[in-house]
Amino acid sequence: MVATGTTTELGTRERLVRTASRLMQHGGYENTPVKQLVREAGATLGSLYHFFPGGKQELAVAAIHFGDEEFGALLRAGLSAHPDPAEALEAVTGLLAEALEESDWLDGCPVTATALETVGRLPELQAACARAFANWQELVAAKLLACGYPEEEARDLAITVVNTLEGAEMTSQVTRSRTPLLVAGRHLARLVASYRP
C-alpha cells in the first residue's frame, strides 16, 4: 500500500522514506539492509546521513510515520464511504483486500513486521509503531463518536476493529485470499451495529 513515485518525481529524502517504508513493510527493520535501501531509493549513503543524522533508525521512524499516514488515509477513505459505521467498516475491509491483492499479497500493514521485532529492543521504533496503532484507533473512534456512540464503547470498539483488521490482513496475506478480510468486515459490521445507539 505504499504510494508510488518515480525517482525524478520525488526528492531524495522522500524517496528514502518511501523506500524504507516499503522494505520494512515487507521484511521488517532488521531485514532492511542500508545498502539495499539506498540503492533502491536511488540515493547515496551520504544523502541518507545528511537527511537522517541518526542513520537507519531515524529513517525507520520517519518510514513508520509515512506508513501510519498512508494506512490512515486508506482507513479514512473507507470510513467516509458510508454514513453508517457498520457499512463503512465493510468498505474498509474491501479497500484493504483490493490493495493487498493488487500488491500480489505483499503490502500488508505498514508497521506490523517492524512492530513485532522491535518490542523490548528498540524503544523509538516501538513507540512509533504504537503511535500508528493509536492513530488508527482514533480514526475509528472518531467515526463512532460522530455517529452518537458513547465514548467508552466507541474507544473499546475502535481497539477491537484495528486489532481485527491487523489479524485479518495478515491472514489474507498468508493465504493469498481476500476472504479473511471480507469475513472480518462482515463480523465487525455486525458487532458495531449491535452497539448502535
N, C-alpha and C. Protein backbone atom coordinates (compact mmCIF):
# COMPACT_ATOMS: atom_id res chain seq x y z
N MET A 1 0.80 -1.19 0.00
CA MET A 1 0.00 0.00 0.00
C MET A 1 0.84 1.26 0.00
N VAL A 2 2.11 1.12 -0.27
CA VAL A 2 2.98 2.28 -0.28
C VAL A 2 2.76 3.05 -1.57
N ALA A 3 2.63 4.37 -1.45
CA ALA A 3 2.40 5.22 -2.61
C ALA A 3 3.57 5.14 -3.56
N THR A 4 3.28 5.31 -4.84
CA THR A 4 4.33 5.23 -5.83
C THR A 4 4.82 6.61 -6.21
N GLY A 5 5.95 6.64 -6.84
CA GLY A 5 6.52 7.89 -7.33
C GLY A 5 7.87 7.57 -7.92
N THR A 6 8.16 8.13 -9.09
CA THR A 6 9.43 7.81 -9.71
C THR A 6 10.54 8.63 -9.08
N THR A 7 11.77 8.23 -9.36
CA THR A 7 12.94 8.91 -8.83
C THR A 7 12.93 10.38 -9.18
N THR A 8 12.51 10.70 -10.39
CA THR A 8 12.54 12.09 -10.82
C THR A 8 11.41 12.91 -10.21
N GLU A 9 10.35 12.27 -9.79
CA GLU A 9 9.20 13.00 -9.23
C GLU A 9 9.41 13.37 -7.77
N LEU A 10 10.22 12.62 -7.06
CA LEU A 10 10.35 12.81 -5.61
C LEU A 10 11.75 13.26 -5.25
N GLY A 11 11.84 14.05 -4.17
CA GLY A 11 13.14 14.44 -3.66
C GLY A 11 13.82 13.26 -2.97
N THR A 12 15.10 13.41 -2.70
CA THR A 12 15.89 12.32 -2.12
C THR A 12 15.34 11.88 -0.78
N ARG A 13 15.01 12.83 0.08
CA ARG A 13 14.51 12.47 1.42
C ARG A 13 13.23 11.64 1.29
N GLU A 14 12.32 12.10 0.44
CA GLU A 14 11.04 11.40 0.26
C GLU A 14 11.27 10.00 -0.32
N ARG A 15 12.19 9.87 -1.25
CA ARG A 15 12.49 8.55 -1.82
C ARG A 15 13.03 7.61 -0.75
N LEU A 16 13.91 8.12 0.09
CA LEU A 16 14.46 7.30 1.17
C LEU A 16 13.36 6.82 2.11
N VAL A 17 12.47 7.73 2.48
CA VAL A 17 11.39 7.39 3.42
C VAL A 17 10.44 6.36 2.81
N ARG A 18 10.03 6.60 1.58
CA ARG A 18 9.09 5.68 0.94
C ARG A 18 9.71 4.30 0.70
N THR A 19 10.97 4.30 0.30
CA THR A 19 11.64 3.02 0.07
C THR A 19 11.80 2.26 1.38
N ALA A 20 12.20 2.97 2.44
CA ALA A 20 12.33 2.31 3.74
C ALA A 20 10.98 1.77 4.21
N SER A 21 9.93 2.54 4.01
CA SER A 21 8.60 2.09 4.42
C SER A 21 8.22 0.80 3.69
N ARG A 22 8.46 0.76 2.38
CA ARG A 22 8.11 -0.43 1.60
C ARG A 22 8.93 -1.64 2.02
N LEU A 23 10.24 -1.44 2.16
CA LEU A 23 11.10 -2.57 2.53
C LEU A 23 10.79 -3.07 3.94
N MET A 24 10.54 -2.16 4.86
CA MET A 24 10.21 -2.57 6.24
C MET A 24 8.83 -3.24 6.29
N GLN A 25 7.93 -2.78 5.44
CA GLN A 25 6.61 -3.39 5.37
C GLN A 25 6.72 -4.86 4.96
N HIS A 26 7.65 -5.13 4.07
CA HIS A 26 7.82 -6.50 3.58
C HIS A 26 8.67 -7.36 4.49
N GLY A 27 9.72 -6.77 5.10
CA GLY A 27 10.66 -7.60 5.84
C GLY A 27 11.01 -7.14 7.23
N GLY A 28 10.47 -6.02 7.67
CA GLY A 28 10.80 -5.51 8.98
C GLY A 28 12.08 -4.67 8.96
N TYR A 29 12.44 -4.20 10.11
CA TYR A 29 13.60 -3.32 10.26
C TYR A 29 14.92 -4.05 10.06
N GLU A 30 15.08 -5.17 10.73
CA GLU A 30 16.35 -5.90 10.68
C GLU A 30 16.66 -6.43 9.29
N ASN A 31 15.63 -6.79 8.53
CA ASN A 31 15.84 -7.35 7.19
C ASN A 31 15.84 -6.28 6.10
N THR A 32 16.07 -5.05 6.49
CA THR A 32 16.17 -3.96 5.53
C THR A 32 17.60 -3.42 5.56
N PRO A 33 18.49 -3.98 4.73
CA PRO A 33 19.88 -3.53 4.71
C PRO A 33 19.99 -2.10 4.18
N VAL A 34 20.85 -1.31 4.80
CA VAL A 34 21.03 0.09 4.41
C VAL A 34 21.48 0.19 2.96
N LYS A 35 22.38 -0.67 2.53
CA LYS A 35 22.89 -0.60 1.15
C LYS A 35 21.76 -0.84 0.14
N GLN A 36 20.91 -1.81 0.42
CA GLN A 36 19.79 -2.08 -0.48
C GLN A 36 18.82 -0.90 -0.48
N LEU A 37 18.55 -0.36 0.69
CA LEU A 37 17.63 0.75 0.83
C LEU A 37 18.10 1.94 0.00
N VAL A 38 19.38 2.29 0.15
CA VAL A 38 19.95 3.43 -0.57
C VAL A 38 19.92 3.17 -2.08
N ARG A 39 20.28 1.97 -2.48
CA ARG A 39 20.30 1.62 -3.91
C ARG A 39 18.89 1.74 -4.50
N GLU A 40 17.91 1.15 -3.84
CA GLU A 40 16.55 1.17 -4.38
C GLU A 40 15.93 2.56 -4.36
N ALA A 41 16.40 3.41 -3.45
CA ALA A 41 15.90 4.79 -3.39
C ALA A 41 16.61 5.69 -4.39
N GLY A 42 17.64 5.16 -5.05
CA GLY A 42 18.39 5.98 -5.98
C GLY A 42 19.13 7.10 -5.26
N ALA A 43 19.67 6.77 -4.08
CA ALA A 43 20.34 7.76 -3.24
C ALA A 43 21.74 7.28 -2.91
N THR A 44 22.40 7.99 -2.02
CA THR A 44 23.74 7.61 -1.57
C THR A 44 23.74 7.51 -0.05
N LEU A 45 24.75 6.82 0.49
CA LEU A 45 24.88 6.75 1.94
C LEU A 45 25.03 8.15 2.54
N GLY A 46 25.76 9.00 1.85
CA GLY A 46 25.95 10.37 2.32
C GLY A 46 24.63 11.12 2.43
N SER A 47 23.74 10.91 1.44
CA SER A 47 22.46 11.61 1.50
C SER A 47 21.59 11.06 2.62
N LEU A 48 21.70 9.76 2.87
CA LEU A 48 20.92 9.19 3.98
C LEU A 48 21.32 9.87 5.30
N TYR A 49 22.62 9.97 5.53
CA TYR A 49 23.08 10.56 6.79
C TYR A 49 22.91 12.08 6.80
N HIS A 50 22.82 12.69 5.62
CA HIS A 50 22.53 14.12 5.57
C HIS A 50 21.11 14.39 6.08
N PHE A 51 20.16 13.63 5.57
CA PHE A 51 18.76 13.83 5.95
C PHE A 51 18.42 13.18 7.29
N PHE A 52 19.14 12.12 7.63
CA PHE A 52 18.86 11.37 8.86
C PHE A 52 20.17 11.14 9.61
N PRO A 53 20.63 12.15 10.36
CA PRO A 53 21.92 12.03 11.08
C PRO A 53 21.95 10.83 12.02
N GLY A 54 20.77 10.40 12.50
CA GLY A 54 20.69 9.23 13.38
C GLY A 54 20.74 7.92 12.62
N GLY A 55 20.94 7.99 11.30
CA GLY A 55 21.11 6.79 10.49
C GLY A 55 19.82 6.02 10.26
N LYS A 56 19.99 4.73 10.11
CA LYS A 56 18.89 3.83 9.75
C LYS A 56 17.73 3.93 10.73
N GLN A 57 18.01 4.04 12.02
CA GLN A 57 16.92 4.06 13.00
C GLN A 57 16.08 5.33 12.87
N GLU A 58 16.73 6.46 12.65
CA GLU A 58 15.98 7.71 12.47
C GLU A 58 15.14 7.64 11.19
N LEU A 59 15.72 7.10 10.12
CA LEU A 59 14.97 6.92 8.88
C LEU A 59 13.79 5.97 9.10
N ALA A 60 14.00 4.93 9.88
CA ALA A 60 12.93 3.96 10.14
C ALA A 60 11.74 4.61 10.85
N VAL A 61 12.02 5.51 11.79
CA VAL A 61 10.93 6.22 12.48
C VAL A 61 10.13 7.05 11.47
N ALA A 62 10.83 7.73 10.55
CA ALA A 62 10.15 8.51 9.52
C ALA A 62 9.34 7.59 8.60
N ALA A 63 9.88 6.41 8.29
CA ALA A 63 9.18 5.46 7.44
C ALA A 63 7.92 4.93 8.11
N ILE A 64 8.00 4.68 9.41
CA ILE A 64 6.81 4.23 10.15
C ILE A 64 5.75 5.32 10.13
N HIS A 65 6.18 6.56 10.32
CA HIS A 65 5.23 7.69 10.28
C HIS A 65 4.57 7.77 8.90
N PHE A 66 5.36 7.56 7.85
CA PHE A 66 4.80 7.57 6.49
C PHE A 66 3.77 6.46 6.34
N GLY A 67 4.10 5.25 6.80
CA GLY A 67 3.16 4.13 6.72
C GLY A 67 1.91 4.38 7.53
N ASP A 68 2.07 5.02 8.69
CA ASP A 68 0.95 5.39 9.54
C ASP A 68 0.00 6.29 8.76
N GLU A 69 0.55 7.32 8.13
CA GLU A 69 -0.29 8.28 7.39
C GLU A 69 -0.94 7.63 6.18
N GLU A 70 -0.20 6.77 5.50
CA GLU A 70 -0.73 6.12 4.32
C GLU A 70 -1.89 5.17 4.66
N PHE A 71 -1.68 4.34 5.69
CA PHE A 71 -2.74 3.44 6.11
C PHE A 71 -3.92 4.24 6.66
N GLY A 72 -3.61 5.33 7.37
CA GLY A 72 -4.67 6.20 7.88
C GLY A 72 -5.52 6.79 6.77
N ALA A 73 -4.89 7.14 5.64
CA ALA A 73 -5.63 7.70 4.51
C ALA A 73 -6.59 6.65 3.94
N LEU A 74 -6.13 5.41 3.84
CA LEU A 74 -6.99 4.33 3.35
C LEU A 74 -8.15 4.11 4.33
N LEU A 75 -7.84 4.13 5.60
CA LEU A 75 -8.86 3.94 6.63
C LEU A 75 -9.90 5.07 6.57
N ARG A 76 -9.43 6.31 6.44
CA ARG A 76 -10.35 7.44 6.34
C ARG A 76 -11.24 7.32 5.11
N ALA A 77 -10.65 6.89 3.98
CA ALA A 77 -11.43 6.74 2.75
C ALA A 77 -12.56 5.73 2.95
N GLY A 78 -12.25 4.61 3.57
CA GLY A 78 -13.28 3.60 3.80
C GLY A 78 -14.33 4.06 4.79
N LEU A 79 -13.88 4.70 5.85
CA LEU A 79 -14.82 5.15 6.89
C LEU A 79 -15.75 6.25 6.39
N SER A 80 -15.26 7.05 5.45
CA SER A 80 -16.10 8.13 4.94
C SER A 80 -16.97 7.69 3.76
N ALA A 81 -16.81 6.43 3.34
CA ALA A 81 -17.57 5.93 2.19
C ALA A 81 -19.06 5.79 2.49
N HIS A 82 -19.39 5.60 3.76
CA HIS A 82 -20.80 5.43 4.16
C HIS A 82 -21.04 6.17 5.47
N PRO A 83 -22.21 6.78 5.62
CA PRO A 83 -22.51 7.45 6.89
C PRO A 83 -22.66 6.44 8.04
N ASP A 84 -23.15 5.24 7.73
CA ASP A 84 -23.33 4.23 8.76
C ASP A 84 -21.99 3.54 9.04
N PRO A 85 -21.54 3.51 10.30
CA PRO A 85 -20.22 2.94 10.60
C PRO A 85 -20.11 1.45 10.28
N ALA A 86 -21.19 0.71 10.40
CA ALA A 86 -21.13 -0.72 10.07
C ALA A 86 -20.83 -0.91 8.59
N GLU A 87 -21.55 -0.18 7.73
CA GLU A 87 -21.29 -0.26 6.30
C GLU A 87 -19.90 0.27 5.96
N ALA A 88 -19.48 1.30 6.68
CA ALA A 88 -18.16 1.88 6.44
C ALA A 88 -17.05 0.87 6.72
N LEU A 89 -17.21 0.07 7.77
CA LEU A 89 -16.18 -0.93 8.10
C LEU A 89 -16.09 -2.00 7.03
N GLU A 90 -17.22 -2.36 6.45
CA GLU A 90 -17.16 -3.32 5.33
C GLU A 90 -16.44 -2.69 4.15
N ALA A 91 -16.65 -1.40 3.95
CA ALA A 91 -15.93 -0.70 2.87
C ALA A 91 -14.43 -0.70 3.13
N VAL A 92 -14.05 -0.50 4.39
CA VAL A 92 -12.63 -0.51 4.75
C VAL A 92 -12.00 -1.85 4.40
N THR A 93 -12.63 -2.94 4.80
CA THR A 93 -12.04 -4.25 4.53
C THR A 93 -12.00 -4.54 3.04
N GLY A 94 -12.97 -4.04 2.30
CA GLY A 94 -12.95 -4.19 0.85
C GLY A 94 -11.76 -3.46 0.23
N LEU A 95 -11.50 -2.23 0.69
CA LEU A 95 -10.35 -1.47 0.19
C LEU A 95 -9.04 -2.16 0.55
N LEU A 96 -8.95 -2.66 1.78
CA LEU A 96 -7.73 -3.35 2.20
C LEU A 96 -7.49 -4.60 1.37
N ALA A 97 -8.56 -5.36 1.15
CA ALA A 97 -8.44 -6.59 0.35
C ALA A 97 -8.01 -6.28 -1.07
N GLU A 98 -8.60 -5.24 -1.65
CA GLU A 98 -8.25 -4.85 -3.02
C GLU A 98 -6.78 -4.43 -3.12
N ALA A 99 -6.34 -3.58 -2.19
CA ALA A 99 -4.96 -3.10 -2.20
C ALA A 99 -3.97 -4.25 -1.99
N LEU A 100 -4.33 -5.16 -1.11
CA LEU A 100 -3.44 -6.29 -0.82
C LEU A 100 -3.32 -7.20 -2.05
N GLU A 101 -4.43 -7.49 -2.68
CA GLU A 101 -4.39 -8.34 -3.87
C GLU A 101 -3.60 -7.66 -4.99
N GLU A 102 -3.81 -6.35 -5.17
CA GLU A 102 -3.09 -5.61 -6.22
C GLU A 102 -1.58 -5.64 -6.00
N SER A 103 -1.14 -5.76 -4.74
CA SER A 103 0.30 -5.81 -4.44
C SER A 103 0.85 -7.24 -4.52
N ASP A 104 0.04 -8.15 -5.01
CA ASP A 104 0.40 -9.58 -5.05
C ASP A 104 0.61 -10.10 -3.64
N TRP A 105 -0.20 -9.61 -2.71
CA TRP A 105 -0.25 -10.07 -1.33
C TRP A 105 1.01 -9.70 -0.53
N LEU A 106 1.73 -8.66 -0.97
CA LEU A 106 2.96 -8.27 -0.28
C LEU A 106 2.77 -7.09 0.67
N ASP A 107 1.92 -6.15 0.31
CA ASP A 107 1.82 -4.89 1.06
C ASP A 107 0.71 -4.93 2.11
N GLY A 108 0.99 -5.60 3.20
CA GLY A 108 0.03 -5.63 4.31
C GLY A 108 0.20 -4.41 5.19
N CYS A 109 0.00 -4.58 6.46
CA CYS A 109 0.13 -3.47 7.40
C CYS A 109 1.54 -2.88 7.30
N PRO A 110 1.65 -1.55 7.21
CA PRO A 110 2.97 -0.95 7.03
C PRO A 110 3.87 -0.98 8.26
N VAL A 111 3.36 -1.41 9.41
CA VAL A 111 4.21 -1.39 10.61
C VAL A 111 4.30 -2.72 11.34
N THR A 112 3.51 -3.70 10.99
CA THR A 112 3.45 -4.94 11.77
C THR A 112 4.80 -5.64 11.90
N ALA A 113 5.48 -5.86 10.79
CA ALA A 113 6.75 -6.59 10.84
C ALA A 113 7.75 -5.88 11.74
N THR A 114 7.83 -4.56 11.61
CA THR A 114 8.76 -3.79 12.45
C THR A 114 8.30 -3.78 13.90
N ALA A 115 7.01 -3.66 14.13
CA ALA A 115 6.49 -3.63 15.50
C ALA A 115 6.86 -4.90 16.25
N LEU A 116 6.68 -6.04 15.60
CA LEU A 116 6.93 -7.32 16.28
C LEU A 116 8.39 -7.52 16.62
N GLU A 117 9.29 -7.09 15.75
CA GLU A 117 10.71 -7.35 16.01
C GLU A 117 11.38 -6.31 16.88
N THR A 118 10.69 -5.20 17.16
CA THR A 118 11.33 -4.15 17.97
C THR A 118 10.86 -4.14 19.42
N VAL A 119 9.88 -4.95 19.75
CA VAL A 119 9.35 -4.97 21.12
C VAL A 119 10.47 -5.25 22.12
N GLY A 120 10.66 -4.35 23.04
CA GLY A 120 11.64 -4.52 24.10
C GLY A 120 13.08 -4.31 23.67
N ARG A 121 13.32 -3.95 22.39
CA ARG A 121 14.70 -3.80 21.93
C ARG A 121 15.00 -2.40 21.40
N LEU A 122 14.11 -1.85 20.62
CA LEU A 122 14.34 -0.55 20.01
C LEU A 122 13.18 0.38 20.38
N PRO A 123 13.29 1.05 21.53
CA PRO A 123 12.17 1.82 22.07
C PRO A 123 11.62 2.90 21.13
N GLU A 124 12.49 3.56 20.37
CA GLU A 124 11.99 4.62 19.47
C GLU A 124 11.12 4.04 18.37
N LEU A 125 11.52 2.91 17.83
CA LEU A 125 10.72 2.29 16.78
C LEU A 125 9.44 1.70 17.36
N GLN A 126 9.56 1.08 18.52
CA GLN A 126 8.37 0.52 19.17
C GLN A 126 7.36 1.63 19.45
N ALA A 127 7.84 2.78 19.93
CA ALA A 127 6.95 3.91 20.23
C ALA A 127 6.29 4.43 18.95
N ALA A 128 7.04 4.49 17.84
CA ALA A 128 6.47 4.96 16.57
C ALA A 128 5.37 4.01 16.10
N CYS A 129 5.60 2.71 16.24
CA CYS A 129 4.58 1.72 15.87
C CYS A 129 3.35 1.85 16.76
N ALA A 130 3.56 2.03 18.05
CA ALA A 130 2.44 2.19 18.99
C ALA A 130 1.62 3.43 18.64
N ARG A 131 2.30 4.51 18.25
CA ARG A 131 1.58 5.72 17.84
C ARG A 131 0.73 5.45 16.61
N ALA A 132 1.26 4.68 15.67
CA ALA A 132 0.49 4.36 14.46
C ALA A 132 -0.79 3.61 14.82
N PHE A 133 -0.68 2.58 15.65
CA PHE A 133 -1.88 1.84 16.05
C PHE A 133 -2.88 2.75 16.77
N ALA A 134 -2.38 3.62 17.65
CA ALA A 134 -3.25 4.55 18.38
C ALA A 134 -3.93 5.52 17.42
N ASN A 135 -3.21 5.98 16.40
CA ASN A 135 -3.80 6.90 15.43
C ASN A 135 -4.94 6.23 14.66
N TRP A 136 -4.74 4.97 14.28
CA TRP A 136 -5.79 4.27 13.54
C TRP A 136 -7.00 4.02 14.43
N GLN A 137 -6.76 3.68 15.69
CA GLN A 137 -7.87 3.51 16.63
C GLN A 137 -8.64 4.82 16.78
N GLU A 138 -7.92 5.93 16.80
CA GLU A 138 -8.57 7.23 16.95
C GLU A 138 -9.45 7.54 15.75
N LEU A 139 -9.03 7.17 14.56
CA LEU A 139 -9.86 7.40 13.37
C LEU A 139 -11.17 6.63 13.46
N VAL A 140 -11.09 5.38 13.89
CA VAL A 140 -12.31 4.57 14.03
C VAL A 140 -13.19 5.12 15.14
N ALA A 141 -12.57 5.47 16.27
CA ALA A 141 -13.35 6.02 17.39
C ALA A 141 -14.05 7.31 16.97
N ALA A 142 -13.37 8.16 16.21
CA ALA A 142 -13.97 9.43 15.78
C ALA A 142 -15.21 9.18 14.94
N LYS A 143 -15.15 8.18 14.07
CA LYS A 143 -16.31 7.84 13.25
C LYS A 143 -17.48 7.41 14.13
N LEU A 144 -17.19 6.56 15.12
CA LEU A 144 -18.24 6.07 16.01
C LEU A 144 -18.80 7.19 16.89
N LEU A 145 -17.92 8.02 17.39
CA LEU A 145 -18.37 9.15 18.23
C LEU A 145 -19.25 10.09 17.43
N ALA A 146 -18.88 10.34 16.17
CA ALA A 146 -19.66 11.23 15.32
C ALA A 146 -21.05 10.64 15.03
N CYS A 147 -21.16 9.32 15.15
CA CYS A 147 -22.44 8.65 14.91
C CYS A 147 -23.23 8.44 16.20
N GLY A 148 -22.76 9.03 17.29
CA GLY A 148 -23.51 9.01 18.54
C GLY A 148 -23.19 7.89 19.51
N TYR A 149 -22.16 7.10 19.23
CA TYR A 149 -21.78 6.04 20.15
C TYR A 149 -21.21 6.66 21.42
N PRO A 150 -21.52 6.09 22.58
CA PRO A 150 -20.93 6.60 23.82
C PRO A 150 -19.40 6.46 23.79
N GLU A 151 -18.71 7.36 24.46
CA GLU A 151 -17.25 7.43 24.41
C GLU A 151 -16.57 6.10 24.74
N GLU A 152 -16.94 5.49 25.84
CA GLU A 152 -16.25 4.25 26.25
C GLU A 152 -16.45 3.14 25.23
N GLU A 153 -17.69 2.99 24.75
CA GLU A 153 -17.97 1.95 23.75
C GLU A 153 -17.24 2.24 22.45
N ALA A 154 -17.22 3.51 22.04
CA ALA A 154 -16.55 3.87 20.79
C ALA A 154 -15.07 3.53 20.86
N ARG A 155 -14.44 3.83 21.97
CA ARG A 155 -13.00 3.59 22.09
C ARG A 155 -12.69 2.08 22.20
N ASP A 156 -13.53 1.35 22.93
CA ASP A 156 -13.33 -0.10 23.01
C ASP A 156 -13.54 -0.77 21.64
N LEU A 157 -14.59 -0.34 20.95
CA LEU A 157 -14.85 -0.90 19.62
C LEU A 157 -13.71 -0.55 18.65
N ALA A 158 -13.17 0.63 18.75
CA ALA A 158 -12.09 1.05 17.87
C ALA A 158 -10.86 0.16 18.05
N ILE A 159 -10.55 -0.17 19.30
CA ILE A 159 -9.43 -1.09 19.57
C ILE A 159 -9.70 -2.45 18.94
N THR A 160 -10.92 -2.94 19.11
CA THR A 160 -11.31 -4.24 18.54
C THR A 160 -11.23 -4.22 17.02
N VAL A 161 -11.69 -3.13 16.43
CA VAL A 161 -11.67 -3.02 14.96
C VAL A 161 -10.23 -3.08 14.44
N VAL A 162 -9.34 -2.27 14.99
CA VAL A 162 -7.96 -2.24 14.50
C VAL A 162 -7.28 -3.58 14.74
N ASN A 163 -7.49 -4.17 15.92
CA ASN A 163 -6.90 -5.48 16.19
C ASN A 163 -7.37 -6.53 15.19
N THR A 164 -8.66 -6.51 14.89
CA THR A 164 -9.23 -7.48 13.96
C THR A 164 -8.70 -7.25 12.54
N LEU A 165 -8.63 -5.98 12.12
CA LEU A 165 -8.09 -5.68 10.79
C LEU A 165 -6.66 -6.17 10.65
N GLU A 166 -5.86 -5.97 11.70
CA GLU A 166 -4.46 -6.41 11.65
C GLU A 166 -4.37 -7.92 11.45
N GLY A 167 -5.12 -8.67 12.23
CA GLY A 167 -5.09 -10.12 12.12
C GLY A 167 -5.64 -10.62 10.80
N ALA A 168 -6.73 -10.01 10.35
CA ALA A 168 -7.34 -10.43 9.09
C ALA A 168 -6.44 -10.12 7.91
N GLU A 169 -5.76 -8.98 7.96
CA GLU A 169 -4.87 -8.62 6.86
C GLU A 169 -3.69 -9.59 6.78
N MET A 170 -3.14 -9.95 7.92
CA MET A 170 -2.03 -10.91 7.94
C MET A 170 -2.49 -12.27 7.39
N THR A 171 -3.67 -12.70 7.80
CA THR A 171 -4.18 -13.99 7.34
C THR A 171 -4.46 -13.96 5.84
N SER A 172 -4.96 -12.83 5.35
CA SER A 172 -5.18 -12.70 3.91
C SER A 172 -3.87 -12.78 3.15
N GLN A 173 -2.82 -12.17 3.70
CA GLN A 173 -1.51 -12.26 3.05
C GLN A 173 -1.02 -13.70 2.97
N VAL A 174 -1.10 -14.40 4.10
CA VAL A 174 -0.57 -15.76 4.18
C VAL A 174 -1.35 -16.70 3.26
N THR A 175 -2.66 -16.52 3.21
CA THR A 175 -3.50 -17.42 2.40
C THR A 175 -3.70 -16.92 0.98
N ARG A 176 -3.21 -15.69 0.71
CA ARG A 176 -3.37 -15.07 -0.61
C ARG A 176 -4.84 -15.07 -1.02
N SER A 177 -5.66 -14.59 -0.11
CA SER A 177 -7.10 -14.59 -0.33
C SER A 177 -7.74 -13.37 0.32
N ARG A 178 -8.74 -12.82 -0.34
CA ARG A 178 -9.49 -11.70 0.22
C ARG A 178 -10.41 -12.15 1.36
N THR A 179 -10.71 -13.43 1.39
CA THR A 179 -11.76 -13.94 2.29
C THR A 179 -11.57 -13.54 3.76
N PRO A 180 -10.40 -13.71 4.36
CA PRO A 180 -10.28 -13.34 5.78
C PRO A 180 -10.65 -11.88 6.05
N LEU A 181 -10.24 -10.98 5.17
CA LEU A 181 -10.57 -9.57 5.37
C LEU A 181 -12.07 -9.32 5.19
N LEU A 182 -12.65 -9.91 4.17
CA LEU A 182 -14.07 -9.67 3.90
C LEU A 182 -14.96 -10.27 4.99
N VAL A 183 -14.57 -11.45 5.48
CA VAL A 183 -15.32 -12.07 6.59
C VAL A 183 -15.19 -11.20 7.84
N ALA A 184 -13.98 -10.72 8.11
CA ALA A 184 -13.77 -9.85 9.27
C ALA A 184 -14.63 -8.59 9.14
N GLY A 185 -14.72 -8.05 7.94
CA GLY A 185 -15.54 -6.86 7.73
C GLY A 185 -17.00 -7.10 8.04
N ARG A 186 -17.51 -8.23 7.59
CA ARG A 186 -18.92 -8.55 7.87
C ARG A 186 -19.17 -8.68 9.36
N HIS A 187 -18.26 -9.35 10.06
CA HIS A 187 -18.46 -9.55 11.50
C HIS A 187 -18.24 -8.27 12.30
N LEU A 188 -17.29 -7.46 11.88
CA LEU A 188 -17.10 -6.16 12.55
C LEU A 188 -18.34 -5.29 12.34
N ALA A 189 -18.92 -5.35 11.15
CA ALA A 189 -20.13 -4.57 10.88
C ALA A 189 -21.27 -4.99 11.81
N ARG A 190 -21.42 -6.29 12.00
CA ARG A 190 -22.47 -6.79 12.91
C ARG A 190 -22.19 -6.35 14.34
N LEU A 191 -20.93 -6.45 14.75
CA LEU A 191 -20.58 -6.05 16.10
C LEU A 191 -20.88 -4.58 16.33
N VAL A 192 -20.44 -3.74 15.42
CA VAL A 192 -20.64 -2.30 15.57
C VAL A 192 -22.13 -1.96 15.51
N ALA A 193 -22.87 -2.64 14.63
CA ALA A 193 -24.31 -2.39 14.54
C ALA A 193 -25.02 -2.79 15.82
N SER A 194 -24.53 -3.81 16.50
CA SER A 194 -25.20 -4.28 17.72
C SER A 194 -25.07 -3.26 18.86
N TYR A 195 -24.12 -2.34 18.75
CA TYR A 195 -23.95 -1.29 19.76
C TYR A 195 -24.55 0.03 19.31
N ARG A 196 -25.19 0.03 18.15
CA ARG A 196 -25.71 1.27 17.60
C ARG A 196 -26.64 1.98 18.59
N PRO A 197 -26.41 3.25 18.85
CA PRO A 197 -27.24 3.97 19.84
C PRO A 197 -28.67 4.20 19.34
